[in-house]
Amino acid sequence: MTLENVRFLTRGVTPEEKAAVLAILDLQIEEESALEHEVQGAGMNAWQKSQRGIREDIKGGSRRFGWDFGR
């Protein structure tokens, strides 16, 4: 939907009223678009995925905190 296609069915809409309605619609469209992109982009990006194998898993490693040192 483009804002040029908005049609007012009420008679006597002033230019200021029309501008106010269009501004609110424009903000609503921007907000919904931002939310949609946020949901779609919530996963890891390609760089984050490529870095996953660098570090050893904390839980799955053979080391135990406090037991590998000082004995």
N, C-alpha and C. Protein backbone atom coordinates (compact mmCIF):
# COMPACT_ATOMS: atom_id res chain seq x y z
N MET A 1 0.84 -1.18 0.00
CA MET A 1 0.00 0.00 0.00
C MET A 1 0.88 1.24 0.00
N THR A 2 0.57 2.15 -0.85
CA THR A 2 1.25 3.44 -0.83
C THR A 2 0.28 4.49 -0.32
N LEU A 3 0.82 5.51 0.28
CA LEU A 3 -0.04 6.53 0.87
C LEU A 3 -0.74 7.37 -0.19
N GLU A 4 -0.27 7.32 -1.43
CA GLU A 4 -0.95 8.04 -2.51
C GLU A 4 -2.31 7.40 -2.81
N ASN A 5 -2.47 6.15 -2.46
CA ASN A 5 -3.71 5.43 -2.74
C ASN A 5 -4.76 5.60 -1.65
N VAL A 6 -4.47 6.33 -0.59
CA VAL A 6 -5.42 6.51 0.50
C VAL A 6 -6.56 7.41 0.01
N ARG A 7 -7.76 6.92 0.25
CA ARG A 7 -8.94 7.68 -0.19
C ARG A 7 -9.80 8.00 1.03
N PHE A 8 -10.18 9.24 1.17
CA PHE A 8 -11.03 9.67 2.27
C PHE A 8 -12.48 9.64 1.81
N LEU A 9 -13.34 8.97 2.57
CA LEU A 9 -14.75 8.88 2.24
C LEU A 9 -15.55 9.98 2.94
N THR A 10 -14.94 10.60 3.92
CA THR A 10 -15.60 11.68 4.65
C THR A 10 -15.47 12.97 3.85
N ARG A 11 -16.51 13.74 3.82
CA ARG A 11 -16.48 15.02 3.12
C ARG A 11 -15.85 16.09 4.00
N GLY A 12 -15.27 17.06 3.37
CA GLY A 12 -14.76 18.23 4.07
C GLY A 12 -13.48 18.00 4.83
N VAL A 13 -12.65 17.05 4.42
CA VAL A 13 -11.36 16.82 5.08
C VAL A 13 -10.41 17.94 4.69
N THR A 14 -9.89 18.60 5.69
CA THR A 14 -8.96 19.70 5.41
C THR A 14 -7.59 19.14 5.04
N PRO A 15 -6.76 19.92 4.38
CA PRO A 15 -5.40 19.45 4.07
C PRO A 15 -4.60 19.10 5.33
N GLU A 16 -4.82 19.82 6.43
CA GLU A 16 -4.11 19.53 7.68
C GLU A 16 -4.55 18.19 8.25
N GLU A 17 -5.86 17.91 8.20
CA GLU A 17 -6.36 16.63 8.69
C GLU A 17 -5.84 15.48 7.84
N LYS A 18 -5.83 15.69 6.54
CA LYS A 18 -5.31 14.66 5.64
C LYS A 18 -3.83 14.39 5.92
N ALA A 19 -3.07 15.46 6.11
CA ALA A 19 -1.63 15.31 6.40
C ALA A 19 -1.42 14.58 7.74
N ALA A 20 -2.25 14.88 8.73
CA ALA A 20 -2.11 14.22 10.03
C ALA A 20 -2.40 12.73 9.93
N VAL A 21 -3.47 12.38 9.21
CA VAL A 21 -3.81 10.96 9.04
C VAL A 21 -2.71 10.23 8.28
N LEU A 22 -2.21 10.84 7.23
CA LEU A 22 -1.15 10.20 6.44
C LEU A 22 0.14 10.05 7.25
N ALA A 23 0.43 11.03 8.11
CA ALA A 23 1.62 10.93 8.96
C ALA A 23 1.51 9.76 9.93
N ILE A 24 0.33 9.59 10.53
CA ILE A 24 0.13 8.48 11.45
C ILE A 24 0.22 7.14 10.72
N LEU A 25 -0.39 7.07 9.55
CA LEU A 25 -0.31 5.82 8.77
C LEU A 25 1.13 5.50 8.38
N ASP A 26 1.87 6.53 8.00
CA ASP A 26 3.27 6.34 7.61
C ASP A 26 4.09 5.82 8.80
N LEU A 27 3.88 6.40 9.97
CA LEU A 27 4.60 5.93 11.17
C LEU A 27 4.23 4.49 11.51
N GLN A 28 2.96 4.15 11.37
CA GLN A 28 2.51 2.79 11.66
C GLN A 28 3.16 1.79 10.71
N ILE A 29 3.22 2.15 9.43
CA ILE A 29 3.84 1.26 8.44
C ILE A 29 5.32 1.08 8.75
N GLU A 30 6.01 2.16 9.10
CA GLU A 30 7.43 2.06 9.44
C GLU A 30 7.66 1.18 10.66
N GLU A 31 6.80 1.34 11.69
CA GLU A 31 6.95 0.55 12.91
C GLU A 31 6.72 -0.93 12.64
N GLU A 32 5.69 -1.25 11.89
CA GLU A 32 5.42 -2.65 11.58
C GLU A 32 6.53 -3.25 10.73
N SER A 33 7.07 -2.46 9.81
CA SER A 33 8.17 -2.93 8.98
C SER A 33 9.41 -3.22 9.83
N ALA A 34 9.71 -2.32 10.76
CA ALA A 34 10.86 -2.52 11.64
C ALA A 34 10.68 -3.76 12.49
N LEU A 35 9.49 -3.97 13.01
CA LEU A 35 9.23 -5.17 13.82
C LEU A 35 9.37 -6.43 12.98
N GLU A 36 8.90 -6.40 11.76
CA GLU A 36 9.00 -7.58 10.89
C GLU A 36 10.46 -7.90 10.59
N HIS A 37 11.27 -6.87 10.32
CA HIS A 37 12.69 -7.10 10.05
C HIS A 37 13.42 -7.58 11.29
N GLU A 38 13.01 -7.10 12.45
CA GLU A 38 13.62 -7.53 13.70
C GLU A 38 13.37 -9.01 13.95
N VAL A 39 12.17 -9.46 13.70
CA VAL A 39 11.82 -10.87 13.90
C VAL A 39 12.58 -11.74 12.92
N GLN A 40 12.65 -11.33 11.67
CA GLN A 40 13.34 -12.12 10.66
C GLN A 40 14.84 -12.13 10.89
N GLY A 41 15.39 -11.05 11.41
CA GLY A 41 16.83 -10.95 11.60
C GLY A 41 17.30 -11.39 12.98
N ALA A 42 16.45 -12.08 13.74
CA ALA A 42 16.80 -12.42 15.11
C ALA A 42 17.87 -13.51 15.20
N GLY A 43 18.09 -14.28 14.15
CA GLY A 43 19.08 -15.35 14.18
C GLY A 43 20.49 -14.82 14.04
N MET A 44 21.43 -15.73 14.04
CA MET A 44 22.83 -15.34 13.90
C MET A 44 23.13 -14.97 12.46
N ASN A 45 24.00 -13.99 12.29
CA ASN A 45 24.42 -13.64 10.94
C ASN A 45 25.54 -14.59 10.50
N ALA A 46 25.97 -14.46 9.27
CA ALA A 46 26.97 -15.39 8.71
C ALA A 46 28.27 -15.36 9.50
N TRP A 47 28.71 -14.17 9.95
CA TRP A 47 29.95 -14.08 10.71
C TRP A 47 29.81 -14.82 12.04
N GLN A 48 28.68 -14.63 12.74
CA GLN A 48 28.49 -15.31 14.01
C GLN A 48 28.48 -16.82 13.83
N LYS A 49 27.86 -17.30 12.78
CA LYS A 49 27.83 -18.74 12.53
C LYS A 49 29.24 -19.28 12.24
N SER A 50 30.05 -18.51 11.54
CA SER A 50 31.40 -18.98 11.19
C SER A 50 32.32 -19.00 12.41
N GLN A 51 32.01 -18.26 13.46
CA GLN A 51 32.87 -18.19 14.64
C GLN A 51 32.50 -19.21 15.71
N ARG A 52 31.45 -19.96 15.51
CA ARG A 52 30.95 -20.87 16.54
C ARG A 52 31.95 -21.96 16.90
N GLY A 53 32.74 -22.45 15.98
CA GLY A 53 33.63 -23.57 16.25
C GLY A 53 34.95 -23.19 16.87
N ILE A 54 35.20 -21.93 17.14
CA ILE A 54 36.50 -21.50 17.65
C ILE A 54 36.69 -21.90 19.11
N ARG A 55 35.69 -21.69 19.92
CA ARG A 55 35.82 -21.94 21.35
C ARG A 55 35.31 -23.33 21.72
N GLU A 56 35.93 -23.91 22.74
CA GLU A 56 35.49 -25.19 23.26
C GLU A 56 34.20 -24.98 24.05
N ASP A 57 33.29 -25.90 23.96
CA ASP A 57 32.04 -25.82 24.70
C ASP A 57 32.33 -25.88 26.20
N ILE A 58 31.78 -24.98 26.97
CA ILE A 58 32.05 -24.92 28.41
C ILE A 58 31.53 -26.17 29.10
N LYS A 59 30.32 -26.58 28.80
CA LYS A 59 29.72 -27.71 29.49
C LYS A 59 30.26 -29.05 28.99
N GLY A 60 30.58 -29.11 27.71
CA GLY A 60 30.99 -30.39 27.14
C GLY A 60 32.48 -30.67 27.20
N GLY A 61 33.26 -29.72 27.71
CA GLY A 61 34.70 -29.91 27.75
C GLY A 61 35.12 -30.90 28.83
N SER A 62 36.37 -31.35 28.76
CA SER A 62 36.86 -32.34 29.73
C SER A 62 37.36 -31.67 31.00
N ARG A 63 37.48 -30.37 31.02
CA ARG A 63 37.97 -29.68 32.20
C ARG A 63 36.84 -29.43 33.19
N ARG A 64 37.20 -29.49 34.46
CA ARG A 64 36.22 -29.19 35.51
C ARG A 64 36.79 -28.05 36.34
N PHE A 65 36.00 -27.04 36.52
CA PHE A 65 36.46 -25.87 37.26
C PHE A 65 36.87 -26.25 38.68
N GLY A 66 38.08 -25.84 39.05
CA GLY A 66 38.57 -26.11 40.41
C GLY A 66 39.30 -27.42 40.56
N TRP A 67 39.21 -28.30 39.60
CA TRP A 67 39.83 -29.61 39.71
C TRP A 67 41.07 -29.75 38.83
N ASP A 68 41.20 -28.92 37.80
CA ASP A 68 42.32 -29.04 36.89
C ASP A 68 43.54 -28.26 37.34
N PHE A 69 43.39 -27.42 38.36
CA PHE A 69 44.50 -26.57 38.77
C PHE A 69 44.79 -26.77 40.25
N GLY A 70 46.06 -26.66 40.58
CA GLY A 70 46.46 -26.67 41.97
C GLY A 70 46.54 -28.03 42.63
N ARG A 71 46.48 -29.08 41.90
CA ARG A 71 46.62 -30.41 42.52
C ARG A 71 47.85 -31.09 42.02
